[in-house]
Amino acid sequence: MVTPRELRPGGRLVLIFHGSKQNGGKFRAFTGGSLDSLTTEAGAVVAYLDGYKGHWNDACADSRVAARVEDVDDVAFARAVVGALERSHRIDRSKVYAVGFSNGGGMVIRLVHESSDLLAGATVIAATQPAPENFRHGTVPAVPIPMLLIHGTRDRLVPYAGGRIGGRAHRLARLMFRVGGPFLSAPQTAAYFAARNSIDRPPSTRKLPQHDGSRATSVTALDYRQDGRPPTTLYTVHGGGHTVPGPHPAPRIMGRTCPNLNLAEAISAFFALTPA
């Protein structure tokens, strides 16, 4: 856990959910600690959480990870963490944000559906909404919240275009990550959450500037916005792999990492966060 230099009552909390076969410490190293800057960007307490045996009991129905097989209640775990940090660090329960990568993104999707009253906003990276036949969720009424989605077009594990985990290498991916079933595409996921937020206007698109001169990756934003309704934005990382954008490149086997999108700054800007 990382805290602001000056901890004040009523601050924000950012919950970080790692990817498959990671833990909070490994994910922090995976991103080069870039999300730590949310302590200054947003004045937030940043909590890197650990899933059970390296996984989360997420929103995907076709899952055989230990957290699912043993029915770990990760929704209750998230609530317990918020409660504990409210007592110990005096965070404001109305200012809790969730950020998840891959399997952690699937866990954030589950929280949005089953515990959206817990969250003021959610960021999902390299994960998409399970197709209806592969979607496991509770029956809690929908509470619309702002959604920031980030996905690479060359993600070979969770295909940008949707389908099964691992794409053509589905069988190998299922053996490695113990997850199957179909998923929506990244644009379909954005449209899904926009509709869930009662946005009925078509989205606009914009291209983000290239800061380092690199042409290996680029980013466009698909923005769903309507007055009085929580926004949904999809950042499409053209040429990006199963990675977290930022200055710290992932191992090459994961694909390209986009250096032109500072994730902490993007989160702060999207959710209009300022230091508490």
C-alpha atoms as a PDB file:
ATOM      1  CA  MET A   1       0.000   0.000   0.000  1.00  0.00           C
ATOM      2  CA  VAL A   2       1.172   3.505  -0.867  1.00  0.00           C
ATOM      3  CA  THR A   3      -0.082   6.594   0.950  1.00  0.00           C
ATOM      4  CA  PRO A   4       0.190  10.344   0.316  1.00  0.00           C
ATOM      5  CA  ARG A   5       3.020  12.147   2.071  1.00  0.00           C
ATOM      6  CA  GLU A   6       0.422  14.000   4.118  1.00  0.00           C
ATOM      7  CA  LEU A   7      -2.513  11.747   4.972  1.00  0.00           C
ATOM      8  CA  ARG A   8      -5.710  13.707   5.549  1.00  0.00           C
ATOM      9  CA  PRO A   9      -9.194  12.565   6.585  1.00  0.00           C
ATOM     10  CA  GLY A  10     -11.716  12.099   3.785  1.00  0.00           C
ATOM     11  CA  GLY A  11      -9.178  11.099   1.143  1.00  0.00           C
ATOM     12  CA  ARG A  12      -9.641   8.834  -1.849  1.00  0.00           C
ATOM     13  CA  LEU A  13      -8.890   5.136  -2.083  1.00  0.00           C
ATOM     14  CA  VAL A  14      -7.740   3.337  -5.235  1.00  0.00           C
ATOM     15  CA  LEU A  15      -8.005  -0.453  -5.158  1.00  0.00           C
ATOM     16  CA  ILE A  16      -5.620  -2.205  -7.576  1.00  0.00           C
ATOM     17  CA  PHE A  17      -6.509  -5.722  -8.807  1.00  0.00           C
ATOM     18  CA  HIS A  18      -3.621  -7.606 -10.445  1.00  0.00           C
ATOM     19  CA  GLY A  19      -3.665  -9.988 -13.395  1.00  0.00           C
ATOM     20  CA  SER A  20      -3.570 -13.796 -13.461  1.00  0.00           C
ATOM     21  CA  LYS A  21      -0.678 -15.489 -11.647  1.00  0.00           C
ATOM     22  CA  GLN A  22       0.394 -12.219 -10.045  1.00  0.00           C
ATOM     23  CA  ASN A  23      -0.024 -10.590  -6.668  1.00  0.00           C
ATOM     24  CA  GLY A  24      -0.091  -6.952  -5.650  1.00  0.00           C
ATOM     25  CA  GLY A  25       3.683  -6.695  -5.357  1.00  0.00           C
ATOM     26  CA  LYS A  26       4.301  -8.373  -8.708  1.00  0.00           C
ATOM     27  CA  PHE A  27       1.779  -6.139 -10.439  1.00  0.00           C
ATOM     28  CA  ARG A  28       3.356  -3.061  -8.896  1.00  0.00           C
ATOM     29  CA  ALA A  29       6.720  -4.193 -10.310  1.00  0.00           C
ATOM     30  CA  PHE A  30       5.025  -5.087 -13.649  1.00  0.00           C
ATOM     31  CA  THR A  31       3.967  -1.447 -13.991  1.00  0.00           C
ATOM     32  CA  GLY A  32       7.170   0.016 -12.571  1.00  0.00           C
ATOM     33  CA  GLY A  33       5.188   1.491  -9.706  1.00  0.00           C
ATOM     34  CA  SER A  34       3.637   4.005 -12.100  1.00  0.00           C
ATOM     35  CA  LEU A  35       0.280   3.905 -10.319  1.00  0.00           C
ATOM     36  CA  ASP A  36       1.956   5.008  -7.100  1.00  0.00           C
ATOM     37  CA  SER A  37       1.770   8.546  -8.477  1.00  0.00           C
ATOM     38  CA  LEU A  38      -1.975   8.511  -7.795  1.00  0.00           C
ATOM     39  CA  THR A  39      -0.957   9.488  -4.277  1.00  0.00           C
ATOM     40  CA  THR A  40       0.121  12.836  -5.723  1.00  0.00           C
ATOM     41  CA  GLU A  41      -2.121  12.966  -8.817  1.00  0.00           C
ATOM     42  CA  ALA A  42      -5.259  12.281  -6.768  1.00  0.00           C
ATOM     43  CA  GLY A  43      -4.179  12.479  -3.140  1.00  0.00           C
ATOM     44  CA  ALA A  44      -5.241   8.845  -2.837  1.00  0.00           C
ATOM     45  CA  VAL A  45      -4.314   5.857  -0.766  1.00  0.00           C
ATOM     46  CA  VAL A  46      -3.300   3.199  -3.310  1.00  0.00           C
ATOM     47  CA  ALA A  47      -3.888  -0.381  -2.172  1.00  0.00           C
ATOM     48  CA  TYR A  48      -2.365  -3.239  -4.211  1.00  0.00           C
ATOM     49  CA  LEU A  49      -4.508  -6.263  -3.319  1.00  0.00           C
ATOM     50  CA  ASP A  50      -3.610  -9.974  -3.449  1.00  0.00           C
ATOM     51  CA  GLY A  51      -5.956 -12.481  -5.076  1.00  0.00           C
ATOM     52  CA  TYR A  52      -6.318 -16.032  -3.804  1.00  0.00           C
ATOM     53  CA  LYS A  53      -3.520 -18.198  -5.239  1.00  0.00           C
ATOM     54  CA  GLY A  54      -2.802 -15.577  -7.879  1.00  0.00           C
ATOM     55  CA  HIS A  55      -6.341 -15.150  -9.214  1.00  0.00           C
ATOM     56  CA  TRP A  56      -9.662 -13.406  -8.607  1.00  0.00           C
ATOM     57  CA  ASN A  57     -13.137 -14.911  -8.558  1.00  0.00           C
ATOM     58  CA  ASP A  58     -14.231 -12.628 -11.361  1.00  0.00           C
ATOM     59  CA  ALA A  59     -17.252 -12.131 -13.652  1.00  0.00           C
ATOM     60  CA  CYS A  60     -16.408 -14.933 -16.111  1.00  0.00           C
ATOM     61  CA  ALA A  61     -18.671 -17.982 -15.690  1.00  0.00           C
ATOM     62  CA  ASP A  62     -16.306 -20.420 -17.428  1.00  0.00           C
ATOM     63  CA  SER A  63     -13.490 -20.252 -14.888  1.00  0.00           C
ATOM     64  CA  ARG A  64     -11.651 -23.048 -13.106  1.00  0.00           C
ATOM     65  CA  VAL A  65      -9.179 -21.043 -11.027  1.00  0.00           C
ATOM     66  CA  ALA A  66      -8.849 -21.897  -7.340  1.00  0.00           C
ATOM     67  CA  ALA A  67     -10.659 -18.708  -6.315  1.00  0.00           C
ATOM     68  CA  ARG A  68     -13.736 -19.912  -8.224  1.00  0.00           C
ATOM     69  CA  VAL A  69     -13.465 -23.608  -7.370  1.00  0.00           C
ATOM     70  CA  GLU A  70     -13.209 -22.749  -3.674  1.00  0.00           C
ATOM     71  CA  ASP A  71     -15.817 -19.988  -4.038  1.00  0.00           C
ATOM     72  CA  VAL A  72     -13.705 -17.204  -2.553  1.00  0.00           C
ATOM     73  CA  ASP A  73     -15.908 -14.185  -1.850  1.00  0.00           C
ATOM     74  CA  ASP A  74     -13.769 -11.479  -3.415  1.00  0.00           C
ATOM     75  CA  VAL A  75     -16.660  -9.002  -3.369  1.00  0.00           C
ATOM     76  CA  ALA A  76     -16.826  -9.294   0.411  1.00  0.00           C
ATOM     77  CA  PHE A  77     -13.020  -9.035   0.498  1.00  0.00           C
ATOM     78  CA  ALA A  78     -13.111  -5.724  -1.389  1.00  0.00           C
ATOM     79  CA  ARG A  79     -15.753  -4.392   0.979  1.00  0.00           C
ATOM     80  CA  ALA A  80     -13.711  -5.507   3.980  1.00  0.00           C
ATOM     81  CA  VAL A  81     -10.610  -3.728   2.665  1.00  0.00           C
ATOM     82  CA  VAL A  82     -12.575  -0.510   2.199  1.00  0.00           C
ATOM     83  CA  GLY A  83     -13.974  -0.797   5.707  1.00  0.00           C
ATOM     84  CA  ALA A  84     -10.559  -1.472   7.216  1.00  0.00           C
ATOM     85  CA  LEU A  85      -8.950   1.487   5.428  1.00  0.00           C
ATOM     86  CA  GLU A  86     -11.826   3.742   6.381  1.00  0.00           C
ATOM     87  CA  ARG A  87     -10.964   3.002  10.007  1.00  0.00           C
ATOM     88  CA  SER A  88      -7.166   3.032   9.708  1.00  0.00           C
ATOM     89  CA  HIS A  89      -6.621   5.734   7.065  1.00  0.00           C
ATOM     90  CA  ARG A  90      -9.895   7.670   7.328  1.00  0.00           C
ATOM     91  CA  ILE A  91     -10.662   7.424   3.606  1.00  0.00           C
ATOM     92  CA  ASP A  92     -14.026   8.599   2.308  1.00  0.00           C
ATOM     93  CA  ARG A  93     -16.207   5.601   1.343  1.00  0.00           C
ATOM     94  CA  SER A  94     -17.811   7.691  -1.409  1.00  0.00           C
ATOM     95  CA  LYS A  95     -14.404   8.176  -3.069  1.00  0.00           C
ATOM     96  CA  VAL A  96     -13.350   4.588  -3.805  1.00  0.00           C
ATOM     97  CA  TYR A  97     -12.020   3.746  -7.276  1.00  0.00           C
ATOM     98  CA  ALA A  98     -11.092   0.337  -8.672  1.00  0.00           C
ATOM     99  CA  VAL A  99      -8.399  -0.405 -11.265  1.00  0.00           C
ATOM    100  CA  GLY A 100      -7.996  -3.916 -12.665  1.00  0.00           C
ATOM    101  CA  PHE A 101      -5.748  -5.572 -15.227  1.00  0.00           C
ATOM    102  CA  SER A 102      -6.690  -8.773 -17.108  1.00  0.00           C
ATOM    103  CA  ASN A 103      -8.216 -11.161 -14.511  1.00  0.00           C
ATOM    104  CA  GLY A 104      -8.205  -8.167 -12.149  1.00  0.00           C
ATOM    105  CA  GLY A 105     -10.151  -6.254 -14.790  1.00  0.00           C
ATOM    106  CA  GLY A 106     -12.676  -9.072 -14.783  1.00  0.00           C
ATOM    107  CA  MET A 107     -12.890  -8.702 -11.016  1.00  0.00           C
ATOM    108  CA  VAL A 108     -13.564  -4.972 -11.388  1.00  0.00           C
ATOM    109  CA  ILE A 109     -16.312  -5.802 -13.891  1.00  0.00           C
ATOM    110  CA  ARG A 110     -17.849  -8.086 -11.269  1.00  0.00           C
ATOM    111  CA  LEU A 111     -17.657  -5.337  -8.640  1.00  0.00           C
ATOM    112  CA  VAL A 112     -19.333  -2.882 -11.012  1.00  0.00           C
ATOM    113  CA  HIS A 113     -22.275  -5.274 -11.364  1.00  0.00           C
ATOM    114  CA  GLU A 114     -22.515  -6.599  -7.824  1.00  0.00           C
ATOM    115  CA  SER A 115     -21.092  -3.776  -5.685  1.00  0.00           C
ATOM    116  CA  SER A 116     -21.307  -0.629  -7.781  1.00  0.00           C
ATOM    117  CA  ASP A 117     -22.524   1.242  -4.687  1.00  0.00           C
ATOM    118  CA  LEU A 118     -18.992   0.695  -3.348  1.00  0.00           C
ATOM    119  CA  LEU A 119     -17.313   2.459  -6.277  1.00  0.00           C
ATOM    120  CA  ALA A 120     -17.116   6.027  -7.497  1.00  0.00           C
ATOM    121  CA  GLY A 121     -15.483   4.869 -10.735  1.00  0.00           C
ATOM    122  CA  ALA A 122     -13.788   1.910 -12.390  1.00  0.00           C
ATOM    123  CA  THR A 123     -10.859   1.369 -14.768  1.00  0.00           C
ATOM    124  CA  VAL A 124     -10.585  -1.911 -16.692  1.00  0.00           C
ATOM    125  CA  ILE A 125      -7.376  -2.727 -18.570  1.00  0.00           C
ATOM    126  CA  ALA A 126      -6.947  -5.651 -20.992  1.00  0.00           C
ATOM    127  CA  ALA A 127     -10.264  -7.237 -20.027  1.00  0.00           C
ATOM    128  CA  THR A 128     -13.694  -7.216 -21.636  1.00  0.00           C
ATOM    129  CA  GLN A 129     -17.273  -7.934 -20.661  1.00  0.00           C
ATOM    130  CA  PRO A 130     -18.090 -11.677 -20.794  1.00  0.00           C
ATOM    131  CA  ALA A 131     -20.666 -12.619 -23.425  1.00  0.00           C
ATOM    132  CA  PRO A 132     -24.152 -13.167 -21.910  1.00  0.00           C
ATOM    133  CA  GLU A 133     -23.764 -16.965 -21.814  1.00  0.00           C
ATOM    134  CA  ASN A 134     -20.411 -16.577 -20.062  1.00  0.00           C
ATOM    135  CA  PHE A 135     -21.420 -13.874 -17.589  1.00  0.00           C
ATOM    136  CA  ARG A 136     -21.679 -14.590 -13.884  1.00  0.00           C
ATOM    137  CA  HIS A 137     -23.154 -11.836 -11.775  1.00  0.00           C
ATOM    138  CA  GLY A 138     -25.513 -11.164  -8.922  1.00  0.00           C
ATOM    139  CA  THR A 139     -28.932  -9.568  -8.977  1.00  0.00           C
ATOM    140  CA  VAL A 140     -28.070  -6.224  -7.357  1.00  0.00           C
ATOM    141  CA  PRO A 141     -29.806  -3.306  -9.172  1.00  0.00           C
ATOM    142  CA  ALA A 142     -27.517  -1.389 -11.524  1.00  0.00           C
ATOM    143  CA  VAL A 143     -25.878   1.775 -10.201  1.00  0.00           C
ATOM    144  CA  PRO A 144     -24.315   3.652 -13.149  1.00  0.00           C
ATOM    145  CA  ILE A 145     -20.706   4.764 -12.583  1.00  0.00           C
ATOM    146  CA  PRO A 146     -17.975   6.281 -14.788  1.00  0.00           C
ATOM    147  CA  MET A 147     -16.056   3.609 -16.712  1.00  0.00           C
ATOM    148  CA  LEU A 148     -12.580   3.927 -18.241  1.00  0.00           C
ATOM    149  CA  LEU A 149     -11.560   1.031 -20.506  1.00  0.00           C
ATOM    150  CA  ILE A 150      -8.095   0.456 -22.021  1.00  0.00           C
ATOM    151  CA  HIS A 151      -7.268  -2.282 -24.525  1.00  0.00           C
ATOM    152  CA  GLY A 152      -4.548  -3.064 -27.063  1.00  0.00           C
ATOM    153  CA  THR A 153      -5.436  -4.091 -30.608  1.00  0.00           C
ATOM    154  CA  ARG A 154      -2.683  -6.738 -30.583  1.00  0.00           C
ATOM    155  CA  ASP A 155      -3.616  -8.311 -27.278  1.00  0.00           C
ATOM    156  CA  ARG A 156      -3.146 -12.009 -28.026  1.00  0.00           C
ATOM    157  CA  LEU A 157      -4.546 -13.215 -24.710  1.00  0.00           C
ATOM    158  CA  VAL A 158      -7.763 -11.183 -24.448  1.00  0.00           C
ATOM    159  CA  PRO A 159      -8.523 -10.336 -28.087  1.00  0.00           C
ATOM    160  CA  TYR A 160      -9.563  -6.769 -28.823  1.00  0.00           C
ATOM    161  CA  ALA A 161     -12.075  -8.151 -31.323  1.00  0.00           C
ATOM    162  CA  GLY A 162     -13.652 -10.437 -28.737  1.00  0.00           C
ATOM    163  CA  GLY A 163     -14.086 -14.190 -28.768  1.00  0.00           C
ATOM    164  CA  ARG A 164     -12.307 -16.651 -26.534  1.00  0.00           C
ATOM    165  CA  ILE A 165      -9.347 -16.063 -24.237  1.00  0.00           C
ATOM    166  CA  GLY A 166      -6.183 -16.757 -26.191  1.00  0.00           C
ATOM    167  CA  GLY A 167      -7.861 -16.486 -29.591  1.00  0.00           C
ATOM    168  CA  ARG A 168      -6.377 -19.138 -31.871  1.00  0.00           C
ATOM    169  CA  ALA A 169      -4.297 -20.412 -28.968  1.00  0.00           C
ATOM    170  CA  HIS A 170      -7.474 -20.878 -26.904  1.00  0.00           C
ATOM    171  CA  ARG A 171      -6.689 -24.404 -25.717  1.00  0.00           C
ATOM    172  CA  LEU A 172      -3.215 -23.466 -24.505  1.00  0.00           C
ATOM    173  CA  ALA A 173      -4.529 -20.325 -22.810  1.00  0.00           C
ATOM    174  CA  ARG A 174      -7.268 -22.346 -21.110  1.00  0.00           C
ATOM    175  CA  LEU A 175      -4.678 -24.792 -19.773  1.00  0.00           C
ATOM    176  CA  MET A 176      -2.437 -21.965 -18.551  1.00  0.00           C
ATOM    177  CA  PHE A 177      -5.039 -19.582 -17.145  1.00  0.00           C
ATOM    178  CA  ARG A 178      -7.977 -21.982 -16.568  1.00  0.00           C
ATOM    179  CA  VAL A 179     -10.494 -19.593 -18.118  1.00  0.00           C
ATOM    180  CA  GLY A 180     -12.720 -20.081 -21.157  1.00  0.00           C
ATOM    181  CA  GLY A 181     -15.947 -18.969 -22.761  1.00  0.00           C
ATOM    182  CA  PRO A 182     -16.656 -16.105 -25.168  1.00  0.00           C
ATOM    183  CA  PHE A 183     -16.199 -12.397 -24.462  1.00  0.00           C
ATOM    184  CA  LEU A 184     -17.416  -9.206 -26.111  1.00  0.00           C
ATOM    185  CA  SER A 185     -15.017  -7.067 -28.113  1.00  0.00           C
ATOM    186  CA  ALA A 186     -13.506  -3.960 -26.539  1.00  0.00           C
ATOM    187  CA  PRO A 187     -15.807  -1.602 -28.525  1.00  0.00           C
ATOM    188  CA  GLN A 188     -18.827  -3.763 -27.653  1.00  0.00           C
ATOM    189  CA  THR A 189     -17.787  -3.605 -24.002  1.00  0.00           C
ATOM    190  CA  ALA A 190     -17.666   0.196 -24.179  1.00  0.00           C
ATOM    191  CA  ALA A 191     -21.119   0.282 -25.795  1.00  0.00           C
ATOM    192  CA  TYR A 192     -22.416  -2.114 -23.133  1.00  0.00           C
ATOM    193  CA  PHE A 193     -21.295   0.097 -20.242  1.00  0.00           C
ATOM    194  CA  ALA A 194     -22.462   3.263 -21.998  1.00  0.00           C
ATOM    195  CA  ALA A 195     -25.930   1.727 -22.339  1.00  0.00           C
ATOM    196  CA  ARG A 196     -25.750   0.629 -18.699  1.00  0.00           C
ATOM    197  CA  ASN A 197     -25.076   4.277 -17.853  1.00  0.00           C
ATOM    198  CA  SER A 198     -28.194   5.228 -19.862  1.00  0.00           C
ATOM    199  CA  ILE A 199     -26.209   7.021 -22.563  1.00  0.00           C
ATOM    200  CA  ASP A 200     -28.146   6.896 -25.813  1.00  0.00           C
ATOM    201  CA  ARG A 201     -26.072   9.316 -27.865  1.00  0.00           C
ATOM    202  CA  PRO A 202     -23.443   8.055 -30.331  1.00  0.00           C
ATOM    203  CA  PRO A 203     -19.810   8.265 -29.228  1.00  0.00           C
ATOM    204  CA  SER A 204     -17.194  10.707 -30.453  1.00  0.00           C
ATOM    205  CA  THR A 205     -13.595   9.816 -31.295  1.00  0.00           C
ATOM    206  CA  ARG A 206     -10.305  11.635 -30.810  1.00  0.00           C
ATOM    207  CA  LYS A 207      -6.639  10.839 -31.208  1.00  0.00           C
ATOM    208  CA  LEU A 208      -4.274  11.301 -28.293  1.00  0.00           C
ATOM    209  CA  PRO A 209      -0.971  13.087 -28.943  1.00  0.00           C
ATOM    210  CA  GLN A 210       2.289  11.196 -29.404  1.00  0.00           C
ATOM    211  CA  HIS A 211       4.671  12.384 -26.725  1.00  0.00           C
ATOM    212  CA  ASP A 212       7.811  10.361 -27.395  1.00  0.00           C
ATOM    213  CA  GLY A 213       7.841  10.322 -31.170  1.00  0.00           C
ATOM    214  CA  SER A 214       7.318   6.560 -31.276  1.00  0.00           C
ATOM    215  CA  ARG A 215       5.032   5.255 -34.005  1.00  0.00           C
ATOM    216  CA  ALA A 216       4.932   1.658 -32.769  1.00  0.00           C
ATOM    217  CA  THR A 217       1.773   2.402 -30.811  1.00  0.00           C
ATOM    218  CA  SER A 218      -0.845   5.124 -30.808  1.00  0.00           C
ATOM    219  CA  VAL A 219      -4.015   5.788 -28.840  1.00  0.00           C
ATOM    220  CA  THR A 220      -7.518   6.830 -29.842  1.00  0.00           C
ATOM    221  CA  ALA A 221     -10.372   7.527 -27.460  1.00  0.00           C
ATOM    222  CA  LEU A 222     -13.984   6.509 -27.981  1.00  0.00           C
ATOM    223  CA  ASP A 223     -16.023   8.795 -25.714  1.00  0.00           C
ATOM    224  CA  TYR A 224     -19.606   8.180 -24.655  1.00  0.00           C
ATOM    225  CA  ARG A 225     -20.824  11.325 -22.908  1.00  0.00           C
ATOM    226  CA  GLN A 226     -24.214  12.775 -22.128  1.00  0.00           C
ATOM    227  CA  ASP A 227     -25.211  15.449 -19.637  1.00  0.00           C
ATOM    228  CA  GLY A 228     -26.265  14.085 -16.264  1.00  0.00           C
ATOM    229  CA  ARG A 229     -25.001  10.558 -16.960  1.00  0.00           C
ATOM    230  CA  PRO A 230     -21.697   8.921 -16.000  1.00  0.00           C
ATOM    231  CA  PRO A 231     -19.306   8.775 -18.981  1.00  0.00           C
ATOM    232  CA  THR A 232     -17.702   5.737 -20.570  1.00  0.00           C
ATOM    233  CA  THR A 233     -14.436   5.993 -22.505  1.00  0.00           C
ATOM    234  CA  LEU A 234     -12.452   3.345 -24.347  1.00  0.00           C
ATOM    235  CA  TYR A 235      -8.778   4.025 -25.014  1.00  0.00           C
ATOM    236  CA  THR A 236      -7.764   1.857 -27.941  1.00  0.00           C
ATOM    237  CA  VAL A 237      -4.014   1.262 -27.941  1.00  0.00           C
ATOM    238  CA  HIS A 238      -3.208   0.574 -31.597  1.00  0.00           C
ATOM    239  CA  GLY A 239      -0.385  -1.954 -31.748  1.00  0.00           C
ATOM    240  CA  GLY A 240      -0.535  -2.502 -27.991  1.00  0.00           C
ATOM    241  CA  GLY A 241      -0.382  -5.950 -26.425  1.00  0.00           C
ATOM    242  CA  HIS A 242      -1.630  -7.482 -23.165  1.00  0.00           C
ATOM    243  CA  THR A 243       0.071  -4.700 -21.246  1.00  0.00           C
ATOM    244  CA  VAL A 244      -0.474  -1.679 -19.031  1.00  0.00           C
ATOM    245  CA  PRO A 245       0.331   1.617 -20.794  1.00  0.00           C
ATOM    246  CA  GLY A 246       3.095   3.652 -19.243  1.00  0.00           C
ATOM    247  CA  PRO A 247       6.841   4.170 -19.048  1.00  0.00           C
ATOM    248  CA  HIS A 248       7.649   0.653 -17.810  1.00  0.00           C
ATOM    249  CA  PRO A 249       7.591  -1.892 -20.693  1.00  0.00           C
ATOM    250  CA  ALA A 250       6.166  -5.334 -20.069  1.00  0.00           C
ATOM    251  CA  PRO A 251       8.093  -8.478 -21.106  1.00  0.00           C
ATOM    252  CA  ARG A 252       8.159  -8.733 -24.904  1.00  0.00           C
ATOM    253  CA  ILE A 253       6.065 -11.900 -24.880  1.00  0.00           C
ATOM    254  CA  MET A 254       3.146  -9.756 -23.649  1.00  0.00           C
ATOM    255  CA  GLY A 255       3.321  -7.476 -26.679  1.00  0.00           C
ATOM    256  CA  ARG A 256       4.104  -3.786 -27.013  1.00  0.00           C
ATOM    257  CA  THR A 257       3.636  -1.352 -24.142  1.00  0.00           C
ATOM    258  CA  CYS A 258       2.411   2.106 -25.108  1.00  0.00           C
ATOM    259  CA  PRO A 259       4.580   4.844 -23.538  1.00  0.00           C
ATOM    260  CA  ASN A 260       2.311   7.662 -24.750  1.00  0.00           C
ATOM    261  CA  LEU A 261      -0.450   7.069 -22.217  1.00  0.00           C
ATOM    262  CA  ASN A 262       0.326   7.823 -18.585  1.00  0.00           C
ATOM    263  CA  LEU A 263      -2.223   5.671 -16.783  1.00  0.00           C
ATOM    264  CA  ALA A 264      -2.211   7.578 -13.494  1.00  0.00           C
ATOM    265  CA  GLU A 265      -2.687  10.876 -15.300  1.00  0.00           C
ATOM    266  CA  ALA A 266      -5.423   9.376 -17.491  1.00  0.00           C
ATOM    267  CA  ILE A 267      -7.278   8.094 -14.431  1.00  0.00           C
ATOM    268  CA  SER A 268      -6.966  11.445 -12.657  1.00  0.00           C
ATOM    269  CA  ALA A 269      -8.196  13.350 -15.709  1.00  0.00           C
ATOM    270  CA  PHE A 270     -11.090  11.010 -16.530  1.00  0.00           C
ATOM    271  CA  PHE A 271     -12.471  10.929 -12.986  1.00  0.00           C
ATOM    272  CA  ALA A 272     -11.668  14.638 -12.412  1.00  0.00           C
ATOM    273  CA  LEU A 273      -9.507  13.861  -9.414  1.00  0.00           C
ATOM    274  CA  THR A 274      -7.460  16.465  -7.618  1.00  0.00           C
ATOM    275  CA  PRO A 275      -5.268  15.981  -4.551  1.00  0.00           C
ATOM    276  CA  ALA A 276      -7.359  15.935  -1.388  1.00  0.00           C
END
